Amino acid sequence: MKACIHCKIEKPLEDYYVHKQMGDGHLNKCKDCSKKYQQGRRADPEFIKDEKVRSKAYWSVPKNRERKNRDHARLMKEYSATEEGRLKAGAQKYLNNAIRDGRFERKYECEDCGTTERKIEGHHHMGYERENWLNVQWLCVNCHKKAHREMKEELV
């Protein structure tokens, strides 16, 4: 049993997130209080503005910017090494530009499980050929990973 520093209620250790750096290996704030805190932060417009400022400051540091550019260059090299990689990069860029320009509408609900809680990503389920670039299925991160695993299994 452990008392939450926020709500002061004693709860079993299963009600606390694991945190290796804490003395007993668990966070001092219970899961319920942690979730409420995060939801409050995300709803606060001042927090969002501060987050953008912090992000801009982080990437303006030369060391961080160099790392980002190096990672981006590595990814582009991997993409351009194969025809599929070039098609995949082209499909992603075309889709993102179409959303930005208002030619295509992004969805915020998973078409597989219906969740809106997780990040929703566009899945090119028909492949990366040019005619399929806007033929996407909107999936949450978990369903997207599952779809790619199933595609890999079909190839084997």
N, C-alpha and C. Protein backbone atom coordinates (compact mmCIF):
# COMPACT_ATOMS: atom_id res chain seq x y z
N MET A 1 0.85 -1.19 0.00
CA MET A 1 0.00 0.00 0.00
C MET A 1 0.89 1.25 0.00
N LYS A 2 0.39 2.27 -0.67
CA LYS A 2 1.14 3.50 -0.80
C LYS A 2 0.15 4.65 -0.92
N ALA A 3 0.48 5.78 -0.30
CA ALA A 3 -0.39 6.96 -0.35
C ALA A 3 0.01 7.84 -1.53
N CYS A 4 -0.97 8.22 -2.32
CA CYS A 4 -0.76 9.12 -3.46
C CYS A 4 -0.44 10.52 -2.94
N ILE A 5 0.57 11.17 -3.52
CA ILE A 5 0.93 12.52 -3.05
C ILE A 5 -0.10 13.55 -3.49
N HIS A 6 -0.94 13.18 -4.45
CA HIS A 6 -1.91 14.14 -4.96
C HIS A 6 -3.26 14.03 -4.24
N CYS A 7 -3.85 12.82 -4.25
CA CYS A 7 -5.19 12.65 -3.65
C CYS A 7 -5.12 12.17 -2.20
N LYS A 8 -3.93 11.79 -1.73
CA LYS A 8 -3.67 11.37 -0.34
C LYS A 8 -4.38 10.06 0.04
N ILE A 9 -4.88 9.30 -0.93
CA ILE A 9 -5.55 8.03 -0.65
C ILE A 9 -4.54 6.90 -0.75
N GLU A 10 -4.59 5.97 0.21
CA GLU A 10 -3.70 4.81 0.18
C GLU A 10 -4.26 3.79 -0.79
N LYS A 11 -3.40 3.35 -1.72
CA LYS A 11 -3.82 2.40 -2.75
C LYS A 11 -2.74 1.34 -2.91
N PRO A 12 -3.09 0.16 -3.47
CA PRO A 12 -2.08 -0.87 -3.72
C PRO A 12 -1.12 -0.42 -4.83
N LEU A 13 0.06 -1.03 -4.87
CA LEU A 13 1.08 -0.63 -5.84
C LEU A 13 0.63 -0.80 -7.29
N GLU A 14 -0.34 -1.70 -7.55
CA GLU A 14 -0.83 -1.88 -8.92
C GLU A 14 -1.52 -0.63 -9.45
N ASP A 15 -1.94 0.26 -8.56
CA ASP A 15 -2.60 1.49 -8.95
C ASP A 15 -1.63 2.63 -9.25
N TYR A 16 -0.33 2.31 -9.31
CA TYR A 16 0.71 3.29 -9.59
C TYR A 16 1.51 2.84 -10.80
N TYR A 17 1.94 3.79 -11.63
CA TYR A 17 2.78 3.46 -12.77
C TYR A 17 4.18 3.09 -12.28
N VAL A 18 4.82 2.17 -13.00
CA VAL A 18 6.18 1.76 -12.67
C VAL A 18 7.13 2.91 -13.02
N HIS A 19 8.08 3.16 -12.14
CA HIS A 19 9.08 4.21 -12.36
C HIS A 19 10.36 3.75 -11.68
N LYS A 20 11.34 3.32 -12.50
CA LYS A 20 12.56 2.70 -11.97
C LYS A 20 13.36 3.59 -11.03
N GLN A 21 13.27 4.89 -11.22
CA GLN A 21 14.11 5.80 -10.43
C GLN A 21 13.54 6.09 -9.05
N MET A 22 12.31 5.70 -8.78
CA MET A 22 11.73 5.94 -7.47
C MET A 22 12.20 4.84 -6.50
N GLY A 23 12.20 5.15 -5.24
CA GLY A 23 12.70 4.21 -4.23
C GLY A 23 12.01 2.86 -4.25
N ASP A 24 10.67 2.87 -4.37
CA ASP A 24 9.94 1.60 -4.37
C ASP A 24 9.62 1.12 -5.79
N GLY A 25 10.14 1.82 -6.80
CA GLY A 25 9.95 1.42 -8.18
C GLY A 25 8.63 1.85 -8.80
N HIS A 26 7.88 2.73 -8.10
CA HIS A 26 6.59 3.20 -8.62
C HIS A 26 6.49 4.72 -8.44
N LEU A 27 5.74 5.34 -9.33
CA LEU A 27 5.52 6.78 -9.28
C LEU A 27 4.80 7.16 -7.99
N ASN A 28 4.96 8.38 -7.50
CA ASN A 28 4.32 8.82 -6.26
C ASN A 28 2.86 9.23 -6.46
N LYS A 29 2.45 9.41 -7.72
CA LYS A 29 1.09 9.81 -8.04
C LYS A 29 0.36 8.60 -8.61
N CYS A 30 -0.85 8.32 -8.14
CA CYS A 30 -1.61 7.15 -8.61
C CYS A 30 -1.99 7.33 -10.09
N LYS A 31 -2.40 6.24 -10.73
CA LYS A 31 -2.76 6.28 -12.15
C LYS A 31 -3.91 7.23 -12.43
N ASP A 32 -4.93 7.24 -11.55
CA ASP A 32 -6.07 8.13 -11.75
C ASP A 32 -5.65 9.59 -11.74
N CYS A 33 -4.83 9.96 -10.75
CA CYS A 33 -4.38 11.35 -10.65
C CYS A 33 -3.45 11.71 -11.82
N SER A 34 -2.62 10.76 -12.24
CA SER A 34 -1.74 11.01 -13.38
C SER A 34 -2.54 11.28 -14.64
N LYS A 35 -3.60 10.48 -14.86
CA LYS A 35 -4.43 10.66 -16.05
C LYS A 35 -5.15 12.00 -16.02
N LYS A 36 -5.69 12.37 -14.85
CA LYS A 36 -6.39 13.65 -14.72
C LYS A 36 -5.43 14.81 -14.99
N TYR A 37 -4.21 14.69 -14.47
CA TYR A 37 -3.20 15.74 -14.67
C TYR A 37 -2.89 15.90 -16.15
N GLN A 38 -2.67 14.77 -16.87
CA GLN A 38 -2.33 14.84 -18.30
C GLN A 38 -3.49 15.41 -19.11
N GLN A 39 -4.72 15.00 -18.79
CA GLN A 39 -5.88 15.53 -19.51
C GLN A 39 -6.01 17.03 -19.31
N GLY A 40 -5.75 17.49 -18.10
CA GLY A 40 -5.81 18.92 -17.82
C GLY A 40 -4.75 19.69 -18.57
N ARG A 41 -3.55 19.12 -18.67
CA ARG A 41 -2.47 19.76 -19.40
C ARG A 41 -2.80 19.91 -20.87
N ARG A 42 -3.36 18.85 -21.45
CA ARG A 42 -3.67 18.88 -22.89
C ARG A 42 -4.80 19.85 -23.21
N ALA A 43 -5.69 20.09 -22.26
CA ALA A 43 -6.82 20.98 -22.50
C ALA A 43 -6.46 22.44 -22.27
N ASP A 44 -5.33 22.70 -21.62
CA ASP A 44 -4.94 24.06 -21.27
C ASP A 44 -4.25 24.74 -22.45
N PRO A 45 -4.84 25.80 -23.02
CA PRO A 45 -4.23 26.46 -24.18
C PRO A 45 -2.86 27.07 -23.86
N GLU A 46 -2.66 27.50 -22.61
CA GLU A 46 -1.35 28.05 -22.23
C GLU A 46 -0.29 26.97 -22.27
N PHE A 47 -0.65 25.75 -21.83
CA PHE A 47 0.31 24.65 -21.87
C PHE A 47 0.70 24.34 -23.31
N ILE A 48 -0.30 24.31 -24.21
CA ILE A 48 -0.03 24.00 -25.61
C ILE A 48 0.89 25.06 -26.21
N LYS A 49 0.63 26.32 -25.90
CA LYS A 49 1.47 27.41 -26.40
C LYS A 49 2.89 27.27 -25.85
N ASP A 50 3.02 26.98 -24.54
CA ASP A 50 4.33 26.78 -23.93
C ASP A 50 5.06 25.60 -24.56
N GLU A 51 4.32 24.53 -24.86
CA GLU A 51 4.91 23.34 -25.47
C GLU A 51 5.50 23.67 -26.83
N LYS A 52 4.78 24.48 -27.63
CA LYS A 52 5.28 24.89 -28.93
C LYS A 52 6.54 25.74 -28.80
N VAL A 53 6.54 26.62 -27.81
CA VAL A 53 7.72 27.48 -27.58
C VAL A 53 8.90 26.62 -27.16
N ARG A 54 8.66 25.65 -26.25
CA ARG A 54 9.75 24.77 -25.81
C ARG A 54 10.28 23.95 -26.98
N SER A 55 9.38 23.46 -27.83
CA SER A 55 9.78 22.66 -28.97
C SER A 55 10.64 23.50 -29.93
N LYS A 56 10.19 24.73 -30.19
CA LYS A 56 10.94 25.62 -31.09
C LYS A 56 12.33 25.91 -30.50
N ALA A 57 12.38 26.14 -29.19
CA ALA A 57 13.67 26.41 -28.54
C ALA A 57 14.57 25.18 -28.63
N TYR A 58 13.99 23.99 -28.46
CA TYR A 58 14.78 22.75 -28.50
C TYR A 58 15.42 22.56 -29.87
N TRP A 59 14.62 22.74 -30.93
CA TRP A 59 15.15 22.51 -32.27
C TRP A 59 16.03 23.64 -32.77
N SER A 60 16.03 24.79 -32.07
CA SER A 60 16.92 25.88 -32.49
C SER A 60 18.35 25.67 -31.98
N VAL A 61 18.54 24.74 -31.04
CA VAL A 61 19.89 24.42 -30.56
C VAL A 61 20.61 23.65 -31.67
N PRO A 62 21.81 24.12 -32.10
CA PRO A 62 22.50 23.49 -33.23
C PRO A 62 22.69 21.98 -33.08
N LYS A 63 23.04 21.51 -31.89
CA LYS A 63 23.28 20.08 -31.67
C LYS A 63 22.01 19.27 -31.95
N ASN A 64 20.87 19.75 -31.49
CA ASN A 64 19.61 19.05 -31.70
C ASN A 64 19.17 19.09 -33.16
N ARG A 65 19.37 20.26 -33.79
CA ARG A 65 19.01 20.41 -35.19
C ARG A 65 19.87 19.50 -36.06
N GLU A 66 21.18 19.40 -35.74
CA GLU A 66 22.07 18.52 -36.49
C GLU A 66 21.62 17.07 -36.38
N ARG A 67 21.23 16.66 -35.17
CA ARG A 67 20.76 15.29 -34.97
C ARG A 67 19.50 15.02 -35.80
N LYS A 68 18.58 15.99 -35.79
CA LYS A 68 17.34 15.84 -36.56
C LYS A 68 17.66 15.73 -38.05
N ASN A 69 18.54 16.60 -38.55
CA ASN A 69 18.91 16.57 -39.96
C ASN A 69 19.61 15.27 -40.33
N ARG A 70 20.47 14.78 -39.44
CA ARG A 70 21.19 13.53 -39.68
C ARG A 70 20.22 12.35 -39.75
N ASP A 71 19.26 12.32 -38.81
CA ASP A 71 18.27 11.25 -38.80
C ASP A 71 17.39 11.31 -40.05
N HIS A 72 17.01 12.53 -40.44
CA HIS A 72 16.18 12.71 -41.63
C HIS A 72 16.94 12.25 -42.88
N ALA A 73 18.22 12.61 -42.96
CA ALA A 73 19.04 12.22 -44.11
C ALA A 73 19.17 10.70 -44.18
N ARG A 74 19.33 10.05 -43.03
CA ARG A 74 19.44 8.59 -42.98
C ARG A 74 18.15 7.95 -43.48
N LEU A 75 17.01 8.46 -43.02
CA LEU A 75 15.72 7.92 -43.46
C LEU A 75 15.53 8.11 -44.97
N MET A 76 15.88 9.29 -45.48
CA MET A 76 15.71 9.55 -46.90
C MET A 76 16.63 8.64 -47.72
N LYS A 77 17.81 8.36 -47.20
CA LYS A 77 18.74 7.46 -47.89
C LYS A 77 18.15 6.05 -47.94
N GLU A 78 17.57 5.61 -46.83
CA GLU A 78 16.93 4.29 -46.79
C GLU A 78 15.74 4.25 -47.74
N TYR A 79 14.93 5.30 -47.74
CA TYR A 79 13.77 5.35 -48.63
C TYR A 79 14.20 5.31 -50.09
N SER A 80 15.20 6.11 -50.44
CA SER A 80 15.58 6.23 -51.85
C SER A 80 16.38 5.02 -52.34
N ALA A 81 16.74 4.10 -51.44
CA ALA A 81 17.52 2.93 -51.82
C ALA A 81 16.68 1.93 -52.62
N THR A 82 15.37 1.94 -52.43
CA THR A 82 14.51 0.98 -53.13
C THR A 82 13.37 1.72 -53.83
N GLU A 83 12.83 1.08 -54.84
CA GLU A 83 11.69 1.66 -55.56
C GLU A 83 10.49 1.78 -54.62
N GLU A 84 10.26 0.75 -53.78
CA GLU A 84 9.13 0.80 -52.84
C GLU A 84 9.29 1.96 -51.86
N GLY A 85 10.53 2.21 -51.42
CA GLY A 85 10.79 3.32 -50.50
C GLY A 85 10.47 4.66 -51.13
N ARG A 86 10.85 4.81 -52.42
CA ARG A 86 10.55 6.07 -53.12
C ARG A 86 9.05 6.25 -53.29
N LEU A 87 8.36 5.16 -53.61
CA LEU A 87 6.90 5.25 -53.76
C LEU A 87 6.23 5.56 -52.43
N LYS A 88 6.72 4.94 -51.35
CA LYS A 88 6.15 5.16 -50.01
C LYS A 88 6.33 6.63 -49.60
N ALA A 89 7.54 7.16 -49.81
CA ALA A 89 7.80 8.57 -49.46
C ALA A 89 6.92 9.49 -50.29
N GLY A 90 6.75 9.18 -51.57
CA GLY A 90 5.91 9.99 -52.43
C GLY A 90 4.45 9.95 -52.00
N ALA A 91 3.97 8.77 -51.61
CA ALA A 91 2.58 8.61 -51.16
C ALA A 91 2.33 9.41 -49.88
N GLN A 92 3.26 9.33 -48.95
CA GLN A 92 3.11 10.06 -47.69
C GLN A 92 3.11 11.57 -47.93
N LYS A 93 4.03 12.02 -48.77
CA LYS A 93 4.13 13.45 -49.05
C LYS A 93 2.88 13.95 -49.77
N TYR A 94 2.40 13.20 -50.74
CA TYR A 94 1.20 13.59 -51.51
C TYR A 94 -0.01 13.67 -50.59
N LEU A 95 -0.18 12.66 -49.72
CA LEU A 95 -1.32 12.64 -48.80
C LEU A 95 -1.26 13.83 -47.84
N ASN A 96 -0.08 14.08 -47.25
CA ASN A 96 0.06 15.20 -46.31
C ASN A 96 -0.20 16.54 -46.98
N ASN A 97 0.27 16.71 -48.22
CA ASN A 97 0.02 17.96 -48.94
C ASN A 97 -1.45 18.12 -49.28
N ALA A 98 -2.13 17.02 -49.64
CA ALA A 98 -3.56 17.08 -49.97
C ALA A 98 -4.37 17.47 -48.73
N ILE A 99 -3.99 16.94 -47.58
CA ILE A 99 -4.68 17.31 -46.33
C ILE A 99 -4.44 18.78 -46.02
N ARG A 100 -3.20 19.21 -46.14
CA ARG A 100 -2.85 20.61 -45.87
C ARG A 100 -3.60 21.56 -46.78
N ASP A 101 -3.71 21.21 -48.08
CA ASP A 101 -4.35 22.09 -49.06
C ASP A 101 -5.87 22.00 -49.06
N GLY A 102 -6.43 21.09 -48.26
CA GLY A 102 -7.88 20.95 -48.18
C GLY A 102 -8.49 20.10 -49.27
N ARG A 103 -7.66 19.38 -50.05
CA ARG A 103 -8.17 18.51 -51.11
C ARG A 103 -8.59 17.15 -50.56
N PHE A 104 -8.20 16.84 -49.35
CA PHE A 104 -8.50 15.54 -48.74
C PHE A 104 -8.74 15.76 -47.25
N GLU A 105 -9.71 15.07 -46.70
CA GLU A 105 -10.06 15.27 -45.29
C GLU A 105 -9.51 14.16 -44.42
N ARG A 106 -8.84 14.56 -43.37
CA ARG A 106 -8.29 13.62 -42.39
C ARG A 106 -9.41 13.17 -41.47
N LYS A 107 -9.38 11.90 -41.05
CA LYS A 107 -10.36 11.39 -40.10
C LYS A 107 -9.69 11.18 -38.75
N TYR A 108 -10.47 11.29 -37.69
CA TYR A 108 -9.93 11.20 -36.34
C TYR A 108 -10.53 10.02 -35.57
N GLU A 109 -11.05 9.04 -36.32
CA GLU A 109 -11.59 7.84 -35.70
C GLU A 109 -11.07 6.63 -36.46
N CYS A 110 -10.60 5.63 -35.73
CA CYS A 110 -10.06 4.42 -36.35
C CYS A 110 -11.18 3.69 -37.09
N GLU A 111 -10.94 3.34 -38.35
CA GLU A 111 -11.95 2.64 -39.15
C GLU A 111 -12.06 1.17 -38.77
N ASP A 112 -11.08 0.66 -38.01
CA ASP A 112 -11.09 -0.74 -37.63
C ASP A 112 -11.76 -0.95 -36.27
N CYS A 113 -11.25 -0.26 -35.24
CA CYS A 113 -11.78 -0.46 -33.88
C CYS A 113 -12.66 0.69 -33.40
N GLY A 114 -12.66 1.83 -34.10
CA GLY A 114 -13.54 2.94 -33.76
C GLY A 114 -13.02 3.86 -32.67
N THR A 115 -11.80 3.66 -32.20
CA THR A 115 -11.28 4.50 -31.12
C THR A 115 -10.91 5.90 -31.61
N THR A 116 -11.00 6.85 -30.69
CA THR A 116 -10.52 8.21 -30.97
C THR A 116 -9.45 8.58 -29.95
N GLU A 117 -9.10 7.64 -29.07
CA GLU A 117 -8.18 7.90 -27.97
C GLU A 117 -6.72 7.96 -28.43
N ARG A 118 -6.37 7.12 -29.41
CA ARG A 118 -4.98 7.05 -29.87
C ARG A 118 -4.79 7.87 -31.14
N LYS A 119 -3.53 8.07 -31.52
CA LYS A 119 -3.21 8.79 -32.74
C LYS A 119 -3.73 8.01 -33.94
N ILE A 120 -4.35 8.71 -34.88
CA ILE A 120 -4.91 8.08 -36.07
C ILE A 120 -3.98 8.36 -37.25
N GLU A 121 -3.62 7.29 -37.98
CA GLU A 121 -2.67 7.39 -39.09
C GLU A 121 -3.31 6.88 -40.37
N GLY A 122 -2.85 7.40 -41.50
CA GLY A 122 -3.33 6.94 -42.79
C GLY A 122 -2.57 5.70 -43.23
N HIS A 123 -3.29 4.63 -43.58
CA HIS A 123 -2.68 3.37 -44.01
C HIS A 123 -2.99 3.16 -45.49
N HIS A 124 -1.95 3.07 -46.31
CA HIS A 124 -2.11 2.83 -47.74
C HIS A 124 -2.31 1.34 -47.95
N HIS A 125 -3.54 0.87 -47.74
CA HIS A 125 -3.83 -0.56 -47.78
C HIS A 125 -3.82 -1.14 -49.20
N MET A 126 -3.90 -0.31 -50.20
CA MET A 126 -3.88 -0.77 -51.59
C MET A 126 -2.47 -0.74 -52.18
N GLY A 127 -1.51 -0.29 -51.40
CA GLY A 127 -0.14 -0.20 -51.89
C GLY A 127 0.26 1.26 -52.11
N TYR A 128 1.48 1.44 -52.58
CA TYR A 128 2.03 2.79 -52.72
C TYR A 128 2.10 3.27 -54.16
N GLU A 129 1.42 2.60 -55.08
CA GLU A 129 1.42 3.05 -56.47
C GLU A 129 0.71 4.40 -56.56
N ARG A 130 1.09 5.19 -57.54
CA ARG A 130 0.60 6.57 -57.67
C ARG A 130 -0.93 6.66 -57.69
N GLU A 131 -1.60 5.73 -58.31
CA GLU A 131 -3.06 5.81 -58.40
C GLU A 131 -3.74 5.55 -57.06
N ASN A 132 -3.00 5.02 -56.08
CA ASN A 132 -3.56 4.73 -54.76
C ASN A 132 -3.13 5.71 -53.67
N TRP A 133 -2.49 6.78 -54.04
CA TRP A 133 -1.92 7.69 -53.04
C TRP A 133 -2.96 8.31 -52.11
N LEU A 134 -4.17 8.51 -52.58
CA LEU A 134 -5.22 9.06 -51.72
C LEU A 134 -6.22 7.98 -51.29
N ASN A 135 -5.90 6.74 -51.56
CA ASN A 135 -6.76 5.63 -51.15
C ASN A 135 -6.21 5.09 -49.82
N VAL A 136 -6.60 5.72 -48.73
CA VAL A 136 -6.07 5.36 -47.42
C VAL A 136 -7.19 4.91 -46.48
N GLN A 137 -6.77 4.14 -45.52
CA GLN A 137 -7.66 3.69 -44.45
C GLN A 137 -7.14 4.36 -43.18
N TRP A 138 -8.01 4.98 -42.40
CA TRP A 138 -7.58 5.68 -41.19
C TRP A 138 -7.61 4.71 -40.01
N LEU A 139 -6.42 4.43 -39.45
CA LEU A 139 -6.29 3.45 -38.38
C LEU A 139 -5.54 4.05 -37.21
N CYS A 140 -5.89 3.58 -35.99
CA CYS A 140 -5.10 3.98 -34.82
C CYS A 140 -3.75 3.28 -34.90
N VAL A 141 -2.81 3.69 -34.09
CA VAL A 141 -1.45 3.16 -34.13
C VAL A 141 -1.47 1.64 -33.99
N ASN A 142 -2.25 1.11 -33.04
CA ASN A 142 -2.27 -0.33 -32.80
C ASN A 142 -2.82 -1.09 -34.01
N CYS A 143 -3.93 -0.63 -34.56
CA CYS A 143 -4.52 -1.30 -35.71
C CYS A 143 -3.62 -1.17 -36.95
N HIS A 144 -2.91 -0.04 -37.07
CA HIS A 144 -1.99 0.16 -38.19
C HIS A 144 -0.85 -0.86 -38.12
N LYS A 145 -0.29 -1.04 -36.93
CA LYS A 145 0.78 -2.04 -36.76
C LYS A 145 0.25 -3.43 -37.08
N LYS A 146 -0.96 -3.73 -36.60
CA LYS A 146 -1.57 -5.04 -36.86
C LYS A 146 -1.77 -5.25 -38.36
N ALA A 147 -2.21 -4.22 -39.08
CA ALA A 147 -2.42 -4.32 -40.53
C ALA A 147 -1.11 -4.62 -41.25
N HIS A 148 -0.02 -3.98 -40.82
CA HIS A 148 1.28 -4.23 -41.45
C HIS A 148 1.78 -5.63 -41.13
N ARG A 149 1.54 -6.10 -39.90
CA ARG A 149 1.93 -7.48 -39.56
C ARG A 149 1.19 -8.47 -40.45
N GLU A 150 -0.11 -8.25 -40.64
CA GLU A 150 -0.91 -9.14 -41.49
C GLU A 150 -0.43 -9.10 -42.94
N MET A 151 -0.05 -7.91 -43.42
CA MET A 151 0.47 -7.80 -44.78
C MET A 151 1.77 -8.58 -44.92
N LYS A 152 2.65 -8.50 -43.91
CA LYS A 152 3.91 -9.23 -43.94
C LYS A 152 3.66 -10.74 -43.94
N GLU A 153 2.69 -11.19 -43.12
CA GLU A 153 2.38 -12.62 -43.06
C GLU A 153 1.85 -13.13 -44.38
N GLU A 154 1.10 -12.32 -45.11
CA GLU A 154 0.57 -12.71 -46.41
C GLU A 154 1.70 -12.91 -47.42
N LEU A 155 2.76 -12.10 -47.30
CA LEU A 155 3.89 -12.20 -48.23
C LEU A 155 4.73 -13.46 -47.98
N VAL A 156 4.72 -13.92 -46.73
CA VAL A 156 5.55 -15.10 -46.39
C VAL A 156 4.87 -16.39 -46.75
